[in-house]
PDB file of all heavy atoms in Angstrom:
ATOM      1  N   GLN A   1     -60.963  39.167 -23.954  1.00  0.00           N
ATOM      2  CA  GLN A   1     -61.978  40.139 -24.314  1.00  0.00           C
ATOM      3  C   GLN A   1     -62.383  39.924 -25.774  1.00  0.00           C
ATOM      4  O   GLN A   1     -61.587  40.134 -26.680  1.00  0.00           O
ATOM      5  CB  GLN A   1     -61.449  41.558 -24.128  1.00  0.00           C
ATOM      6  CG  GLN A   1     -61.200  41.937 -22.684  1.00  0.00           C
ATOM      7  CD  GLN A   1     -62.497  42.062 -21.893  1.00  0.00           C
ATOM      8  OE1 GLN A   1     -63.500  42.513 -22.414  1.00  0.00           O
ATOM      9  NE2 GLN A   1     -62.459  41.649 -20.639  1.00  0.00           N
ATOM     10  N   THR A   2     -63.593  39.465 -26.024  1.00  0.00           N
ATOM     11  CA  THR A   2     -64.060  39.237 -27.383  1.00  0.00           C
ATOM     12  C   THR A   2     -65.576  39.293 -27.432  1.00  0.00           C
ATOM     13  O   THR A   2     -66.254  39.034 -26.435  1.00  0.00           O
ATOM     14  CB  THR A   2     -63.571  37.875 -27.924  1.00  0.00           C
ATOM     15  OG1 THR A   2     -64.006  37.725 -29.272  1.00  0.00           O
ATOM     16  CG2 THR A   2     -64.106  36.720 -27.085  1.00  0.00           C
ATOM     17  N   GLN A   3     -66.095  39.670 -28.595  1.00  0.00           N
ATOM     18  CA  GLN A   3     -67.536  39.604 -28.854  1.00  0.00           C
ATOM     19  C   GLN A   3     -67.801  38.804 -30.134  1.00  0.00           C
ATOM     20  O   GLN A   3     -68.871  38.913 -30.740  1.00  0.00           O
ATOM     21  CB  GLN A   3     -68.137  41.012 -29.008  1.00  0.00           C
ATOM     22  CG  GLN A   3     -68.189  41.821 -27.722  1.00  0.00           C
ATOM     23  CD  GLN A   3     -66.875  42.492 -27.398  1.00  0.00           C
ATOM     24  OE1 GLN A   3     -66.123  42.859 -28.298  1.00  0.00           O
ATOM     25  NE2 GLN A   3     -66.570  42.661 -26.121  1.00  0.00           N
ATOM     26  N   THR A   4     -66.830  37.996 -30.551  1.00  0.00           N
ATOM     27  CA  THR A   4     -66.933  37.228 -31.792  1.00  0.00           C
ATOM     28  C   THR A   4     -67.461  35.835 -31.507  1.00  0.00           C
ATOM     29  O   THR A   4     -66.956  35.131 -30.628  1.00  0.00           O
ATOM     30  CB  THR A   4     -65.553  37.128 -32.465  1.00  0.00           C
ATOM     31  OG1 THR A   4     -65.037  38.445 -32.680  1.00  0.00           O
ATOM     32  CG2 THR A   4     -65.658  36.407 -33.807  1.00  0.00           C
ATOM     33  N   LEU A   5     -68.476  35.431 -32.272  1.00  0.00           N
ATOM     34  CA  LEU A   5     -69.038  34.088 -32.095  1.00  0.00           C
ATOM     35  C   LEU A   5     -68.037  33.030 -32.529  1.00  0.00           C
ATOM     36  O   LEU A   5     -67.274  33.242 -33.493  1.00  0.00           O
ATOM     37  CB  LEU A   5     -70.323  33.947 -32.908  1.00  0.00           C
ATOM     38  CG  LEU A   5     -71.507  34.799 -32.438  1.00  0.00           C
ATOM     39  CD1 LEU A   5     -72.679  34.663 -33.407  1.00  0.00           C
ATOM     40  CD2 LEU A   5     -71.940  34.400 -31.035  1.00  0.00           C
ATOM     41  N   PRO A   6     -67.989  31.889 -31.853  1.00  0.00           N
ATOM     42  CA  PRO A   6     -66.988  30.863 -32.177  1.00  0.00           C
ATOM     43  C   PRO A   6     -67.276  30.177 -33.506  1.00  0.00           C
ATOM     44  O   PRO A   6     -68.427  30.065 -33.938  1.00  0.00           O
ATOM     45  CB  PRO A   6     -67.107  29.886 -31.005  1.00  0.00           C
ATOM     46  CG  PRO A   6     -68.505  30.048 -30.500  1.00  0.00           C
ATOM     47  CD  PRO A   6     -68.833  31.503 -30.704  1.00  0.00           C
ATOM     48  N   THR A   7     -66.222  29.686 -34.145  1.00  0.00           N
ATOM     49  CA  THR A   7     -66.359  28.908 -35.386  1.00  0.00           C
ATOM     50  C   THR A   7     -66.128  27.424 -35.137  1.00  0.00           C
ATOM     51  O   THR A   7     -66.580  26.583 -35.915  1.00  0.00           O
ATOM     52  CB  THR A   7     -65.355  29.412 -36.431  1.00  0.00           C
ATOM     53  OG1 THR A   7     -64.024  29.349 -35.885  1.00  0.00           O
ATOM     54  CG2 THR A   7     -65.663  30.860 -36.819  1.00  0.00           C
ATOM     55  N   GLU A   8     -65.423  27.087 -34.058  1.00  0.00           N
ATOM     56  CA  GLU A   8     -65.171  25.686 -33.746  1.00  0.00           C
ATOM     57  C   GLU A   8     -66.406  25.043 -33.125  1.00  0.00           C
ATOM     58  O   GLU A   8     -67.078  25.641 -32.279  1.00  0.00           O
ATOM     59  CB  GLU A   8     -63.983  25.551 -32.794  1.00  0.00           C
ATOM     60  CG  GLU A   8     -62.658  26.007 -33.402  1.00  0.00           C
ATOM     61  CD  GLU A   8     -61.494  25.741 -32.470  1.00  0.00           C
ATOM     62  OE1 GLU A   8     -61.713  25.069 -31.425  1.00  0.00           O
ATOM     63  OE2 GLU A   8     -60.374  26.195 -32.776  1.00  0.00           O
ATOM     64  N   GLU A   9     -66.678  23.813 -33.510  1.00  0.00           N
ATOM     65  CA  GLU A   9     -67.894  23.123 -33.067  1.00  0.00           C
ATOM     66  C   GLU A   9     -67.926  22.946 -31.553  1.00  0.00           C
ATOM     67  O   GLU A   9     -68.975  23.094 -30.919  1.00  0.00           O
ATOM     68  CB  GLU A   9     -67.985  21.757 -33.763  1.00  0.00           C
ATOM     69  CG  GLU A   9     -69.268  20.983 -33.450  1.00  0.00           C
ATOM     70  CD  GLU A   9     -70.523  21.758 -33.837  1.00  0.00           C
ATOM     71  OE1 GLU A   9     -70.485  22.481 -34.858  1.00  0.00           O
ATOM     72  OE2 GLU A   9     -71.544  21.651 -33.128  1.00  0.00           O
ATOM     73  N   ARG A  10     -66.763  22.644 -30.949  1.00  0.00           N
ATOM     74  CA  ARG A  10     -66.743  22.415 -29.508  1.00  0.00           C
ATOM     75  C   ARG A  10     -67.121  23.690 -28.745  1.00  0.00           C
ATOM     76  O   ARG A  10     -67.912  23.644 -27.797  1.00  0.00           O
ATOM     77  CB  ARG A  10     -65.348  21.953 -29.070  1.00  0.00           C
ATOM     78  CG  ARG A  10     -65.279  21.597 -27.573  1.00  0.00           C
ATOM     79  CD  ARG A  10     -63.931  21.071 -27.172  1.00  0.00           C
ATOM     80  NE  ARG A  10     -62.880  22.077 -27.357  1.00  0.00           N
ATOM     81  CZ  ARG A  10     -61.629  21.933 -26.918  1.00  0.00           C
ATOM     82  NH1 ARG A  10     -61.265  20.824 -26.310  1.00  0.00           N
ATOM     83  NH2 ARG A  10     -60.732  22.891 -27.123  1.00  0.00           N
ATOM     84  N   ASP A  11     -66.565  24.829 -29.169  1.00  0.00           N
ATOM     85  CA  ASP A  11     -66.890  26.083 -28.497  1.00  0.00           C
ATOM     86  C   ASP A  11     -68.335  26.491 -28.750  1.00  0.00           C
ATOM     87  O   ASP A  11     -68.993  27.068 -27.880  1.00  0.00           O
ATOM     88  CB  ASP A  11     -65.939  27.186 -28.975  1.00  0.00           C
ATOM     89  CG  ASP A  11     -64.525  26.995 -28.446  1.00  0.00           C
ATOM     90  OD1 ASP A  11     -64.377  26.246 -27.463  1.00  0.00           O
ATOM     91  OD2 ASP A  11     -63.591  27.595 -29.013  1.00  0.00           O
ATOM     92  N   ARG A  12     -68.855  26.194 -29.943  1.00  0.00           N
ATOM     93  CA  ARG A  12     -70.269  26.479 -30.211  1.00  0.00           C
ATOM     94  C   ARG A  12     -71.171  25.666 -29.274  1.00  0.00           C
ATOM     95  O   ARG A  12     -72.168  26.170 -28.748  1.00  0.00           O
ATOM     96  CB  ARG A  12     -70.600  26.146 -31.666  1.00  0.00           C
ATOM     97  CG  ARG A  12     -70.066  27.152 -32.673  1.00  0.00           C
ATOM     98  CD  ARG A  12     -70.557  26.833 -34.076  1.00  0.00           C
ATOM     99  NE  ARG A  12     -70.243  27.906 -35.012  1.00  0.00           N
ATOM    100  CZ  ARG A  12     -70.674  27.953 -36.263  1.00  0.00           C
ATOM    101  NH1 ARG A  12     -71.444  26.968 -36.738  1.00  0.00           N
ATOM    102  NH2 ARG A  12     -70.350  28.963 -37.058  1.00  0.00           N
ATOM    103  N   GLN A  13     -70.804  24.386 -29.079  1.00  0.00           N
ATOM    104  CA  GLN A  13     -71.603  23.537 -28.202  1.00  0.00           C
ATOM    105  C   GLN A  13     -71.541  24.025 -26.758  1.00  0.00           C
ATOM    106  O   GLN A  13     -72.542  23.980 -26.031  1.00  0.00           O
ATOM    107  CB  GLN A  13     -71.098  22.086 -28.281  1.00  0.00           C
ATOM    108  CG  GLN A  13     -72.012  21.067 -27.608  1.00  0.00           C
ATOM    109  CD  GLN A  13     -73.418  21.064 -28.184  1.00  0.00           C
ATOM    110  OE1 GLN A  13     -73.593  21.116 -29.401  1.00  0.00           O
ATOM    111  NE2 GLN A  13     -74.429  21.044 -27.329  1.00  0.00           N
ATOM    112  N   ARG A  14     -70.383  24.506 -26.342  1.00  0.00           N
ATOM    113  CA  ARG A  14     -70.259  25.075 -24.991  1.00  0.00           C
ATOM    114  C   ARG A  14     -71.216  26.253 -24.816  1.00  0.00           C
ATOM    115  O   ARG A  14     -71.909  26.372 -23.807  1.00  0.00           O
ATOM    116  CB  ARG A  14     -68.829  25.543 -24.754  1.00  0.00           C
ATOM    117  CG  ARG A  14     -67.825  24.423 -24.535  1.00  0.00           C
ATOM    118  CD  ARG A  14     -66.415  24.991 -24.527  1.00  0.00           C
ATOM    119  NE  ARG A  14     -65.432  24.017 -24.077  1.00  0.00           N
ATOM    120  CZ  ARG A  14     -64.117  24.184 -24.179  1.00  0.00           C
ATOM    121  NH1 ARG A  14     -63.650  25.297 -24.726  1.00  0.00           N
ATOM    122  NH2 ARG A  14     -63.285  23.255 -23.758  1.00  0.00           N
ATOM    123  N   LEU A  15     -71.234  27.141 -25.809  1.00  0.00           N
ATOM    124  CA  LEU A  15     -72.089  28.317 -25.742  1.00  0.00           C
ATOM    125  C   LEU A  15     -73.556  27.928 -25.717  1.00  0.00           C
ATOM    126  O   LEU A  15     -74.345  28.426 -24.902  1.00  0.00           O
ATOM    127  CB  LEU A  15     -71.786  29.226 -26.941  1.00  0.00           C
ATOM    128  CG  LEU A  15     -72.577  30.529 -27.036  1.00  0.00           C
ATOM    129  CD1 LEU A  15     -72.316  31.414 -25.827  1.00  0.00           C
ATOM    130  CD2 LEU A  15     -72.213  31.295 -28.317  1.00  0.00           C
ATOM    131  N   VAL A  16     -73.946  27.023 -26.607  1.00  0.00           N
ATOM    132  CA  VAL A  16     -75.347  26.592 -26.698  1.00  0.00           C
ATOM    133  C   VAL A  16     -75.789  25.939 -25.395  1.00  0.00           C
ATOM    134  O   VAL A  16     -76.870  26.220 -24.870  1.00  0.00           O
ATOM    135  CB  VAL A  16     -75.515  25.616 -27.887  1.00  0.00           C
ATOM    136  CG1 VAL A  16     -76.853  24.896 -27.805  1.00  0.00           C
ATOM    137  CG2 VAL A  16     -75.387  26.369 -29.210  1.00  0.00           C
ATOM    138  N   THR A  17     -74.953  25.064 -24.856  1.00  0.00           N
ATOM    139  CA  THR A  17     -75.302  24.346 -23.616  1.00  0.00           C
ATOM    140  C   THR A  17     -75.422  25.317 -22.443  1.00  0.00           C
ATOM    141  O   THR A  17     -76.365  25.233 -21.641  1.00  0.00           O
ATOM    142  CB  THR A  17     -74.232  23.286 -23.307  1.00  0.00           C
ATOM    143  OG1 THR A  17     -74.137  22.386 -24.407  1.00  0.00           O
ATOM    144  CG2 THR A  17     -74.597  22.517 -22.037  1.00  0.00           C
ATOM    145  N   ALA A  18     -74.476  26.239 -22.343  1.00  0.00           N
ATOM    146  CA  ALA A  18     -74.505  27.192 -21.234  1.00  0.00           C
ATOM    147  C   ALA A  18     -75.751  28.068 -21.269  1.00  0.00           C
ATOM    148  O   ALA A  18     -76.264  28.482 -20.221  1.00  0.00           O
ATOM    149  CB  ALA A  18     -73.253  28.064 -21.272  1.00  0.00           C
ATOM    150  N   LEU A  19     -76.235  28.373 -22.469  1.00  0.00           N
ATOM    151  CA  LEU A  19     -77.409  29.237 -22.605  1.00  0.00           C
ATOM    152  C   LEU A  19     -78.725  28.464 -22.593  1.00  0.00           C
ATOM    153  O   LEU A  19     -79.792  29.074 -22.592  1.00  0.00           O
ATOM    154  CB  LEU A  19     -77.302  30.053 -23.900  1.00  0.00           C
ATOM    155  CG  LEU A  19     -76.200  31.118 -23.921  1.00  0.00           C
ATOM    156  CD1 LEU A  19     -75.975  31.648 -25.329  1.00  0.00           C
ATOM    157  CD2 LEU A  19     -76.564  32.274 -22.992  1.00  0.00           C
ATOM    158  N   GLY A  20     -78.650  27.128 -22.643  1.00  0.00           N
ATOM    159  CA  GLY A  20     -79.866  26.320 -22.539  1.00  0.00           C
ATOM    160  C   GLY A  20     -80.615  26.110 -23.843  1.00  0.00           C
ATOM    161  O   GLY A  20     -81.818  25.799 -23.822  1.00  0.00           O
ATOM    162  N   PHE A  21     -79.926  26.228 -24.989  1.00  0.00           N
ATOM    163  CA  PHE A  21     -80.569  25.970 -26.285  1.00  0.00           C
ATOM    164  C   PHE A  21     -80.325  24.528 -26.714  1.00  0.00           C
ATOM    165  O   PHE A  21     -79.366  23.882 -26.284  1.00  0.00           O
ATOM    166  CB  PHE A  21     -80.030  26.935 -27.353  1.00  0.00           C
ATOM    167  CG  PHE A  21     -80.506  28.348 -27.184  1.00  0.00           C
ATOM    168  CD1 PHE A  21     -79.768  29.259 -26.450  1.00  0.00           C
ATOM    169  CD2 PHE A  21     -81.718  28.758 -27.738  1.00  0.00           C
ATOM    170  CE1 PHE A  21     -80.206  30.562 -26.290  1.00  0.00           C
ATOM    171  CE2 PHE A  21     -82.168  30.057 -27.573  1.00  0.00           C
ATOM    172  CZ  PHE A  21     -81.412  30.968 -26.841  1.00  0.00           C
ATOM    173  N   THR A  22     -81.181  24.053 -27.619  1.00  0.00           N
ATOM    174  CA  THR A  22     -81.062  22.664 -28.072  1.00  0.00           C
ATOM    175  C   THR A  22     -79.944  22.489 -29.085  1.00  0.00           C
ATOM    176  O   THR A  22     -79.268  21.460 -29.112  1.00  0.00           O
ATOM    177  CB  THR A  22     -82.389  22.193 -28.697  1.00  0.00           C
ATOM    178  OG1 THR A  22     -82.754  23.112 -29.744  1.00  0.00           O
ATOM    179  CG2 THR A  22     -83.496  22.168 -27.649  1.00  0.00           C
ATOM    180  N   ASP A  23     -79.746  23.484 -29.943  1.00  0.00           N
ATOM    181  CA  ASP A  23     -78.694  23.382 -30.957  1.00  0.00           C
ATOM    182  C   ASP A  23     -78.285  24.783 -31.409  1.00  0.00           C
ATOM    183  O   ASP A  23     -78.878  25.788 -31.003  1.00  0.00           O
ATOM    184  CB  ASP A  23     -79.145  22.533 -32.152  1.00  0.00           C
ATOM    185  CG  ASP A  23     -80.455  23.038 -32.753  1.00  0.00           C
ATOM    186  OD1 ASP A  23     -80.627  24.271 -32.886  1.00  0.00           O
ATOM    187  OD2 ASP A  23     -81.318  22.197 -33.081  1.00  0.00           O
ATOM    188  N   TRP A  24     -77.269  24.839 -32.275  1.00  0.00           N
ATOM    189  CA  TRP A  24     -76.732  26.116 -32.752  1.00  0.00           C
ATOM    190  C   TRP A  24     -77.762  26.905 -33.543  1.00  0.00           C
ATOM    191  O   TRP A  24     -77.864  28.123 -33.434  1.00  0.00           O
ATOM    192  CB  TRP A  24     -75.486  25.851 -33.601  1.00  0.00           C
ATOM    193  CG  TRP A  24     -74.806  27.105 -34.077  1.00  0.00           C
ATOM    194  CD1 TRP A  24     -74.837  27.624 -35.336  1.00  0.00           C
ATOM    195  CD2 TRP A  24     -74.013  27.992 -33.293  1.00  0.00           C
ATOM    196  NE1 TRP A  24     -74.104  28.790 -35.391  1.00  0.00           N
ATOM    197  CE2 TRP A  24     -73.574  29.042 -34.147  1.00  0.00           C
ATOM    198  CE3 TRP A  24     -73.609  28.014 -31.955  1.00  0.00           C
ATOM    199  CZ2 TRP A  24     -72.774  30.086 -33.708  1.00  0.00           C
ATOM    200  CZ3 TRP A  24     -72.809  29.054 -31.522  1.00  0.00           C
ATOM    201  CH2 TRP A  24     -72.408  30.073 -32.384  1.00  0.00           C
ATOM    202  N   GLY A  25     -78.563  26.215 -34.346  1.00  0.00           N
ATOM    203  CA  GLY A  25     -79.568  26.893 -35.157  1.00  0.00           C
ATOM    204  C   GLY A  25     -80.602  27.612 -34.307  1.00  0.00           C
ATOM    205  O   GLY A  25     -80.992  28.755 -34.616  1.00  0.00           O
ATOM    206  N   ALA A  26     -81.035  26.967 -33.235  1.00  0.00           N
ATOM    207  CA  ALA A  26     -82.027  27.593 -32.358  1.00  0.00           C
ATOM    208  C   ALA A  26     -81.436  28.820 -31.674  1.00  0.00           C
ATOM    209  O   ALA A  26     -82.098  29.857 -31.524  1.00  0.00           O
ATOM    210  CB  ALA A  26     -82.506  26.580 -31.317  1.00  0.00           C
ATOM    211  N   PHE A  27     -80.161  28.696 -31.271  1.00  0.00           N
ATOM    212  CA  PHE A  27     -79.502  29.844 -30.646  1.00  0.00           C
ATOM    213  C   PHE A  27     -79.392  31.015 -31.614  1.00  0.00           C
ATOM    214  O   PHE A  27     -79.709  32.160 -31.279  1.00  0.00           O
ATOM    215  CB  PHE A  27     -78.102  29.439 -30.155  1.00  0.00           C
ATOM    216  CG  PHE A  27     -77.179  30.596 -29.937  1.00  0.00           C
ATOM    217  CD1 PHE A  27     -77.386  31.486 -28.886  1.00  0.00           C
ATOM    218  CD2 PHE A  27     -76.105  30.827 -30.802  1.00  0.00           C
ATOM    219  CE1 PHE A  27     -76.538  32.572 -28.703  1.00  0.00           C
ATOM    220  CE2 PHE A  27     -75.264  31.903 -30.617  1.00  0.00           C
ATOM    221  CZ  PHE A  27     -75.482  32.775 -29.564  1.00  0.00           C
ATOM    222  N   MET A  28     -78.937  30.754 -32.864  1.00  0.00           N
ATOM    223  CA  MET A  28     -78.758  31.827 -33.844  1.00  0.00           C
ATOM    224  C   MET A  28     -80.084  32.493 -34.189  1.00  0.00           C
ATOM    225  O   MET A  28     -80.150  33.716 -34.393  1.00  0.00           O
ATOM    226  CB  MET A  28     -78.098  31.269 -35.109  1.00  0.00           C
ATOM    227  CG  MET A  28     -76.626  30.954 -34.950  1.00  0.00           C
ATOM    228  SD  MET A  28     -75.629  32.404 -34.476  1.00  0.00           S
ATOM    229  CE  MET A  28     -75.912  33.491 -35.879  1.00  0.00           C
ATOM    230  N   ALA A  29     -81.154  31.704 -34.236  1.00  0.00           N
ATOM    231  CA  ALA A  29     -82.464  32.277 -34.536  1.00  0.00           C
ATOM    232  C   ALA A  29     -82.887  33.259 -33.446  1.00  0.00           C
ATOM    233  O   ALA A  29     -83.395  34.359 -33.717  1.00  0.00           O
ATOM    234  CB  ALA A  29     -83.505  31.166 -34.689  1.00  0.00           C
ATOM    235  N   HIS A  30     -82.657  32.869 -32.185  1.00  0.00           N
ATOM    236  CA  HIS A  30     -83.018  33.756 -31.070  1.00  0.00           C
ATOM    237  C   HIS A  30     -82.107  34.985 -31.030  1.00  0.00           C
ATOM    238  O   HIS A  30     -82.560  36.102 -30.771  1.00  0.00           O
ATOM    239  CB  HIS A  30     -82.928  32.986 -29.754  1.00  0.00           C
ATOM    240  CG  HIS A  30     -83.413  33.776 -28.572  1.00  0.00           C
ATOM    241  ND1 HIS A  30     -84.749  33.981 -28.318  1.00  0.00           N
ATOM    242  CD2 HIS A  30     -82.739  34.437 -27.590  1.00  0.00           C
ATOM    243  CE1 HIS A  30     -84.879  34.720 -27.224  1.00  0.00           C
ATOM    244  NE2 HIS A  30     -83.670  35.005 -26.769  1.00  0.00           N
TER     245      HIS A  30
END
């Protein structure tokens, strides 16, 4: 149970890919 965004690059990439964004910056902007 968490609502904290990941700090590790691998977990960030998992999140971005699952949501269909091109990169972390695009995801954070949205």
